Protein backbone atom coordinates (compact mmCIF):
# COMPACT_ATOMS: atom_id res chain seq x y z
CA MET A 1 0.17 -0.47 -0.18
CA ALA A 2 0.97 3.55 -0.59
CA HIS A 3 2.65 5.56 1.85
CA PRO A 4 -0.56 9.06 1.97
CA GLU A 5 1.35 12.14 1.09
CA PHE A 6 2.09 14.24 4.54
CA PRO A 7 4.21 17.18 2.87
CA VAL A 8 6.54 19.48 5.61
CA PRO A 9 8.68 21.93 4.16
CA ALA A 10 12.10 21.73 3.59
CA SER A 11 14.50 22.25 6.90
CA THR A 12 17.48 21.21 8.46
CA ASN A 13 16.92 21.98 12.03
CA THR A 14 15.31 19.19 14.69
CA VAL A 15 14.39 19.92 18.58
CA THR A 16 15.50 17.49 21.13
CA VAL A 17 12.40 16.10 22.91
CA ARG A 18 12.30 14.14 25.58
CA ILE A 19 8.27 12.12 26.67
CA VAL A 20 7.96 13.08 30.33
CA ASP A 21 5.97 11.15 32.49
CA SER A 22 4.07 13.89 34.46
CA THR A 23 2.73 10.32 36.77
CA THR A 24 -0.92 10.79 36.17
CA ARG A 25 -2.62 8.06 36.62
CA ILE A 26 -6.72 7.69 35.49
CA GLY A 27 -8.76 4.48 35.90
CA LYS A 28 -12.00 3.13 35.74
CA LEU A 29 -12.91 5.70 33.39
CA PRO A 30 -15.26 3.77 31.28
CA LEU A 31 -15.06 3.62 27.24
CA GLU A 32 -18.72 4.90 26.80
CA PHE A 33 -17.75 8.17 28.29
CA LEU A 34 -15.10 8.94 25.11
CA MET A 35 -15.58 6.98 22.24
CA ALA A 36 -18.34 4.86 20.33
CA PRO A 37 -20.13 1.80 19.57
CA PRO A 38 -18.74 -0.61 22.95
CA MET A 39 -16.66 -3.01 22.66
CA PRO A 40 -17.44 -6.30 24.32
CA GLY A 41 -14.97 -7.26 27.47
CA MET A 42 -13.99 -3.61 27.55
CA GLU A 43 -16.11 -1.81 30.05
CA TYR A 44 -13.59 0.37 31.16
CA MET A 45 -10.49 2.36 28.81
CA PRO A 46 -7.25 0.94 30.31
CA LEU A 47 -5.42 3.02 32.42
CA LEU A 48 -4.52 6.28 30.96
CA PRO A 49 -1.31 7.84 31.38
CA SER A 50 -1.26 11.57 31.00
CA TRP A 51 1.94 12.81 28.60
CA SER A 52 4.16 15.47 28.27
CA PHE A 53 7.09 16.62 26.76
CA LEU A 54 9.76 19.14 26.36
CA ILE A 55 11.61 20.42 23.40
CA GLU A 56 14.70 22.03 23.58
CA HIS A 57 15.57 24.54 20.35
CA PRO A 58 18.91 24.82 19.83
CA SER A 59 18.75 28.60 20.91
CA GLY A 60 18.10 27.15 24.58
CA GLN A 61 14.04 27.79 23.99
CA LYS A 62 12.46 25.41 26.54
CA LEU A 63 8.79 24.63 26.06
CA LEU A 64 6.48 20.99 27.90
CA PHE A 65 4.26 20.55 25.38
CA ASP A 66 0.84 19.65 27.72
CA LEU A 67 1.33 19.29 31.89
CA GLY A 68 -1.06 16.69 33.38
CA VAL A 69 -2.68 16.67 36.19
CA PRO A 70 -2.14 19.39 39.18
CA GLN A 71 -1.36 16.94 42.83
CA ASP A 72 -4.35 18.07 44.15
CA TRP A 73 -6.76 17.95 41.93
CA HIS A 74 -9.32 19.20 44.26
CA THR A 75 -7.88 22.75 43.39
CA PHE A 76 -9.12 23.26 40.10
CA ALA A 77 -11.98 25.40 39.10
CA PRO A 78 -14.82 24.46 41.03
CA SER A 79 -16.78 23.81 37.56
CA VAL A 80 -14.07 21.04 36.68
CA ALA A 81 -13.72 20.24 40.85
CA THR A 82 -16.70 19.36 41.55
CA LYS A 83 -17.73 17.06 37.68
CA LEU A 84 -14.03 14.83 39.12
CA GLU A 85 -15.33 14.48 42.12
CA GLU A 86 -19.38 12.97 41.17
CA ARG A 87 -17.24 10.64 37.94
CA GLY A 88 -15.36 9.41 40.32
CA TRP A 89 -12.86 7.36 38.39
CA ASP A 90 -9.29 6.78 40.04
CA ILE A 91 -6.61 9.77 39.53
CA VAL A 92 -3.04 8.77 40.58
CA VAL A 93 -0.48 12.32 40.48
CA ASP A 94 2.20 10.85 41.96
CA LYS A 95 4.74 14.62 41.51
CA GLU A 96 4.13 17.60 38.80
CA VAL A 97 6.06 18.08 35.71
CA ILE A 98 7.80 20.71 36.81
CA ASP A 99 9.14 18.50 39.95
CA VAL A 100 10.00 15.74 37.54
CA LEU A 101 12.17 18.43 35.80
CA GLU A 102 13.88 19.69 38.65
CA GLU A 103 15.15 16.25 39.51
CA HIS A 104 17.02 16.14 36.01
CA GLY A 105 18.48 19.71 37.11
CA ILE A 106 16.13 21.55 34.30
CA ALA A 107 15.15 24.76 36.91
CA SER A 108 11.47 25.82 35.91
CA HIS A 109 12.96 29.68 35.51
CA GLU A 110 14.88 27.34 32.25
CA ILE A 111 11.15 26.91 30.41
CA SER A 112 9.89 29.51 28.08
CA GLY A 113 6.82 28.34 27.32
CA ILE A 114 4.16 25.93 28.25
CA VAL A 115 1.95 24.66 25.80
CA TRP A 116 -1.10 23.42 26.16
CA SER A 117 -2.65 21.13 24.08
CA HIS A 118 -6.14 22.20 25.18
CA TRP A 119 -8.04 23.60 28.24
CA HIS A 120 -8.85 20.14 29.06
CA TRP A 121 -7.96 19.30 32.94
CA ASP A 122 -6.29 16.85 32.49
CA HIS A 123 -3.73 18.47 30.19
CA LEU A 124 -3.67 22.14 32.90
CA GLY A 125 -1.54 21.00 35.42
CA ASP A 126 -0.81 24.29 37.83
CA PRO A 127 0.94 27.17 35.68
CA SER A 128 1.15 28.93 38.34
CA ARG A 129 4.11 26.60 39.92
CA PHE A 130 6.30 28.27 36.89
CA PRO A 131 7.72 32.11 36.93
CA ALA A 132 6.27 34.25 34.90
CA SER A 133 8.63 34.69 32.82
CA THR A 134 7.81 30.97 31.28
CA ASP A 135 4.58 32.06 28.69
CA LEU A 136 1.73 29.69 28.66
CA ILE A 137 0.11 29.50 25.09
CA VAL A 138 -3.17 28.33 24.56
CA GLY A 139 -5.34 27.55 20.20
CA PRO A 140 -7.86 30.00 18.90
CA GLY A 141 -10.68 31.36 20.68
CA PHE A 142 -9.51 30.46 23.92
CA LYS A 143 -9.14 33.95 25.69
CA ASP A 144 -12.84 34.98 24.53
CA GLU A 145 -14.23 31.80 26.07
CA PHE A 146 -12.47 31.37 29.38
CA LEU A 147 -10.47 35.06 30.73
CA PRO A 148 -10.72 36.39 32.69
CA GLY A 149 -10.64 32.40 34.17
CA TYR A 150 -11.95 31.26 37.87
CA PRO A 151 -12.87 33.08 40.40
CA ALA A 152 -13.47 36.28 38.34
CA LYS A 153 -15.59 34.34 35.50
CA PRO A 154 -16.75 31.23 37.70
CA ASP A 155 -18.24 28.43 35.27
CA ALA A 156 -14.37 28.94 34.30
CA PRO A 157 -12.79 25.52 34.04
CA VAL A 158 -9.49 27.34 34.01
CA ARG A 159 -8.05 29.74 36.74
CA GLU A 160 -6.62 33.22 36.59
CA SER A 161 -4.16 31.74 39.04
CA ASP A 162 -3.47 29.35 35.69
CA PHE A 163 -1.89 32.80 33.80
CA ALA A 164 -1.89 35.69 36.28
CA GLY A 165 1.40 38.22 36.24
CA ARG A 166 2.14 35.55 32.98
CA THR A 167 2.50 36.55 29.02
CA LEU A 168 -0.85 34.54 27.50
CA LYS A 169 -0.41 34.01 24.26
CA GLU A 170 -3.25 32.83 21.97
CA ILE A 171 -2.47 30.59 18.41
CA ASP A 172 -3.56 32.67 15.14
CA PHE A 173 -4.11 30.75 12.25
CA THR A 174 -4.73 32.61 9.97
CA SER A 175 -1.63 33.73 8.07
CA ALA A 176 -0.70 29.86 9.01
CA ILE A 177 1.57 27.74 6.87
CA GLN A 178 0.29 24.67 5.45
CA VAL A 179 2.30 21.04 7.08
CA GLY A 180 0.62 18.02 6.05
CA GLN A 181 -3.83 18.43 5.88
CA PHE A 182 -3.47 20.49 8.73
CA ARG A 183 -2.76 24.52 9.16
CA ALA A 184 0.00 25.52 10.87
CA VAL A 185 2.77 27.53 12.94
CA ASP A 186 6.11 27.17 12.60
CA PHE A 187 7.11 28.19 16.37
CA PHE A 188 10.55 28.73 16.01
CA GLY A 189 10.60 30.76 12.52
CA ASP A 190 12.79 27.56 11.01
CA GLY A 191 10.89 24.16 10.64
CA SER A 192 12.07 22.34 13.72
CA PHE A 193 8.64 22.29 15.75
CA TYR A 194 5.16 23.55 14.48
CA LEU A 195 1.94 23.71 16.40
CA LEU A 196 -1.64 22.63 14.32
CA ASP A 197 -4.39 23.34 13.94
CA THR A 198 -6.39 19.84 14.96
CA PRO A 199 -9.97 20.90 16.24
CA GLY A 200 -13.05 19.24 17.06
CA HIS A 201 -11.95 17.71 20.94
CA ALA A 202 -12.39 20.59 22.30
CA ILE A 203 -12.16 25.14 21.64
CA GLY A 204 -8.65 25.72 20.68
CA HIS A 205 -7.31 22.07 20.52
CA LEU A 206 -3.49 22.50 19.56
CA GLY A 207 -1.18 19.67 17.98
CA ALA A 208 1.96 19.50 17.40
CA LEU A 209 4.89 18.47 14.90
CA ALA A 210 8.52 17.97 16.14
CA ARG A 211 11.40 17.30 13.97
CA THR A 212 13.70 14.91 15.55
CA THR A 213 16.28 14.25 12.20
CA THR A 214 17.57 15.12 9.20
CA SER A 215 18.90 13.43 6.28
CA PRO A 216 16.04 11.09 6.59
CA ASP A 217 13.73 13.07 7.88
CA THR A 218 11.51 11.96 11.41
CA PHE A 219 8.75 13.50 12.78
CA ILE A 220 6.93 13.23 16.57
CA PHE A 221 3.38 14.12 16.20
CA MET A 222 1.71 15.45 19.11
CA GLY A 223 -1.72 14.60 19.14
CA GLY A 224 -3.07 15.78 22.52
CA ASP A 225 -6.39 14.34 22.04
CA LEU A 226 -7.24 14.32 18.46
CA CYS A 227 -7.85 10.65 20.12
CA HIS A 228 -7.80 8.96 22.83
CA HIS A 229 -6.87 5.16 22.13
CA SER A 230 -5.10 3.96 19.43
CA GLY A 231 -8.55 2.39 18.77
CA GLU A 232 -9.62 5.78 17.48
CA ILE A 233 -7.16 6.36 14.10
CA ARG A 234 -5.91 2.87 13.66
CA PRO A 235 -6.62 1.17 11.47
CA SER A 236 -7.17 3.61 8.36
CA PRO A 237 -7.21 3.53 4.67
CA TYR A 238 -4.01 4.11 4.80
CA MET A 239 -2.48 1.69 7.31
CA PRO A 240 -5.07 -2.14 7.72
CA ILE A 241 -4.11 -3.83 10.60
CA PRO A 242 -1.47 -6.68 10.15
CA HIS A 243 -1.96 -10.24 8.69
CA GLU A 244 0.77 -11.36 11.84
CA ILE A 245 1.54 -8.75 14.82
CA HIS A 246 5.33 -9.60 16.06
CA LEU A 247 5.73 -7.89 19.32
CA ALA A 248 8.53 -8.66 21.88
CA GLY A 249 8.96 -8.35 25.38
CA ALA A 250 5.87 -6.55 27.25
CA ALA A 251 4.12 -5.42 24.33
CA ALA A 252 3.20 -8.97 23.51
CA THR A 253 1.41 -9.23 27.31
CA ASN A 254 -2.33 -10.45 26.28
CA LEU A 255 -1.98 -9.01 22.57
CA PRO A 256 -4.01 -12.29 20.83
CA CYS A 257 -2.08 -12.88 17.60
CA PRO A 258 -3.96 -14.28 14.72
CA GLY A 259 -3.36 -10.72 12.80
CA ALA A 260 -5.89 -9.26 10.64
CA ALA A 261 -8.80 -11.98 10.07
CA LEU A 262 -10.33 -11.97 13.29
CA TYR A 263 -10.04 -8.16 14.44
CA THR A 264 -11.71 -7.98 11.12
CA GLN A 265 -14.42 -10.25 12.02
CA LEU A 266 -14.67 -8.12 14.62
CA GLN A 267 -15.10 -4.56 13.42
CA ALA A 268 -17.92 -6.60 11.32
CA SER A 269 -19.58 -7.60 14.46
CA ARG A 270 -19.84 -3.62 15.03
CA ASN A 271 -20.96 -2.27 11.65
CA ARG A 272 -17.09 -1.22 11.79
CA SER A 273 -15.19 -2.20 8.20
CA ALA A 274 -12.41 -3.53 7.61
CA ASP A 275 -10.68 0.02 7.21
CA GLN A 276 -12.40 1.82 10.16
CA PRO A 277 -10.94 2.76 13.81
CA PHE A 278 -12.23 0.07 15.52
CA PHE A 279 -14.12 3.06 18.11
CA ASP A 280 -15.72 6.54 16.93
CA PRO A 281 -14.91 9.84 19.57
CA GLY A 282 -17.82 10.29 21.41
CA MET A 283 -17.48 13.43 23.61
CA GLY A 284 -16.10 16.52 22.55
CA LEU A 285 -16.72 19.83 21.00
CA ASP A 286 -17.74 19.22 17.57
CA ILE A 287 -17.99 15.24 16.34
CA GLN A 288 -18.23 15.83 12.98
CA GLU A 289 -14.79 18.02 13.56
CA ALA A 290 -13.08 16.11 15.63
CA LEU A 291 -13.70 13.18 12.40
CA SER A 292 -11.88 15.22 9.62
CA THR A 293 -9.31 16.40 12.05
CA ILE A 294 -8.69 12.72 12.60
CA GLY A 295 -8.82 11.67 9.47
CA LYS A 296 -5.91 14.09 8.43
CA ALA A 297 -4.07 13.04 11.56
CA GLN A 298 -4.04 9.45 9.72
CA LYS A 299 -2.43 9.99 6.66
CA ALA A 300 0.70 11.96 8.76
CA ASP A 301 0.37 8.20 11.44
CA ALA A 302 0.65 6.02 8.41
CA ARG A 303 4.52 7.67 7.70
CA GLU A 304 6.95 5.84 8.93
CA ASN A 305 9.28 8.25 9.39
CA VAL A 306 6.53 10.23 11.72
CA TRP A 307 5.68 8.97 15.04
CA PHE A 308 2.12 9.81 17.11
CA ILE A 309 1.81 9.85 20.25
CA TYR A 310 -1.21 10.87 22.31
CA ALA A 311 -1.74 12.48 24.85
CA HIS A 312 -3.17 8.97 26.69
CA ASP A 313 -1.13 6.57 24.70
CA PRO A 314 -0.76 3.53 27.52
CA SER A 315 1.55 1.91 24.45
CA LEU A 316 4.56 3.56 25.41
CA LEU A 317 4.71 2.31 29.19
CA GLY A 318 7.65 0.19 29.92
CA GLU A 319 8.81 0.36 25.77
CA VAL A 320 9.90 3.62 25.09
CA ASP A 321 12.64 5.70 26.68
CA LEU A 322 11.16 8.13 29.04
CA PHE A 323 12.37 11.79 30.24
CA PRO A 324 15.53 12.33 30.25
CA LEU A 325 16.51 10.50 28.34
CA ALA A 326 15.60 11.39 24.69
CA ALA A 327 13.33 10.16 21.87
CA ASN A 328 14.98 11.51 18.69
CA GLU A 329 15.71 8.50 17.89
CA TRP A 330 12.71 6.38 18.12
CA ARG A 331 12.54 5.35 14.41
CA ARG A 332 16.67 3.66 14.49
CA LYS A 333 15.01 2.14 17.79
CA ASN A 334 11.76 0.99 16.09
CA TRP A 335 9.48 2.48 19.05
CA ARG A 336 7.02 2.93 16.43
CA GLU A 337 6.52 -0.62 15.19
CA LYS A 338 6.84 -2.55 18.88
CA THR A 339 3.68 0.52 19.97
CA LEU A 340 2.14 0.89 17.03
CA TRP A 341 -0.61 -2.40 17.44
CA ARG A 342 0.55 -2.64 20.87
CA PHE A 343 -3.52 -1.41 21.56
CA LEU A 344 -4.83 -4.84 20.27
CA GLY A 345 -4.24 -6.23 23.74
CA ASP A 346 -7.10 -4.48 25.28
CA PHE A 347 -9.73 -5.58 22.65
CA ALA A 348 -8.44 -9.83 23.83
CA PRO A 349 -11.98 -10.58 25.75
CA ALA A 350 -13.65 -9.90 22.75
CA ILE A 351 -11.22 -12.27 20.45
CA GLU A 352 -11.68 -14.70 22.47
CA ALA A 353 -15.66 -14.85 22.63
CA LEU A 354 -15.51 -14.48 18.54
CA GLU A 355 -13.01 -17.85 18.83
CA LYS A 356 -15.95 -19.85 20.83
């Protein structure tokens, strides 16, 4: 199958990307809250991490893309904290991203900016712990919708303290360039790191594309909540389920090995075609726009030189190097291949039922 086009402007510049475990783990989250249709034997989502990314530019500038959850999430704005208490999910946070960084010698004042992929609680962290010199960067529509924040705006899901005293930058895509099928802003102006307009899930939802190597070009695509499970983006018209799936180590745990045939049968039993993802998004601002964004991202996801990582991707756990180690050599280390279809293990009960 020919790889789909995902054109990225040429550049010889890269950034260093480090995948930071925010230590957030979210459990007992019903599948039906996030995705549809149901999957037999899968009442809940797998235990979900919330990844943060440290992006380091050769100029010395350092960005964080997402912050996970603060240790005391009860300090969120009431419109958020009350709902979390009512839902009864298991939310565990051992330490915050700022603490993880400082343990490895990166001080908070070294972070020039925090990018929120979007304003939902599991991405916000606590920016007030960073100095005023750290900018907060948000997507289009954020300021009109949420400022001045709680408590001045009682129903706001973000807090005044998140951006008090610091520069709040809202990305404007009206004069954007094109990266793949997305509108994009060349953040550093040298082709090393792009912020992408990825609408649908939430107001101002942002993705990011980091150039990790040149000659050949490789990229890490940070998807935020563009999807909540690999089964929301795979399979696709550009990337069918493999006929055989060979995974080693931790990724092989609980993974049925029948390859495409039984998974295709599973799709048919849920009125899905073989080239459709297993799920559609079940919650979000605009589901049709979210589906359109996923369709665009599928073209990148199918490229062997692009590693797509969404914010809550558990397939990375135990398979790839995390901060303080860099992720730039991901292709040489085959991390994409090791993690790409690991999610199929979540469907073990459904596959076993089909085989009976």
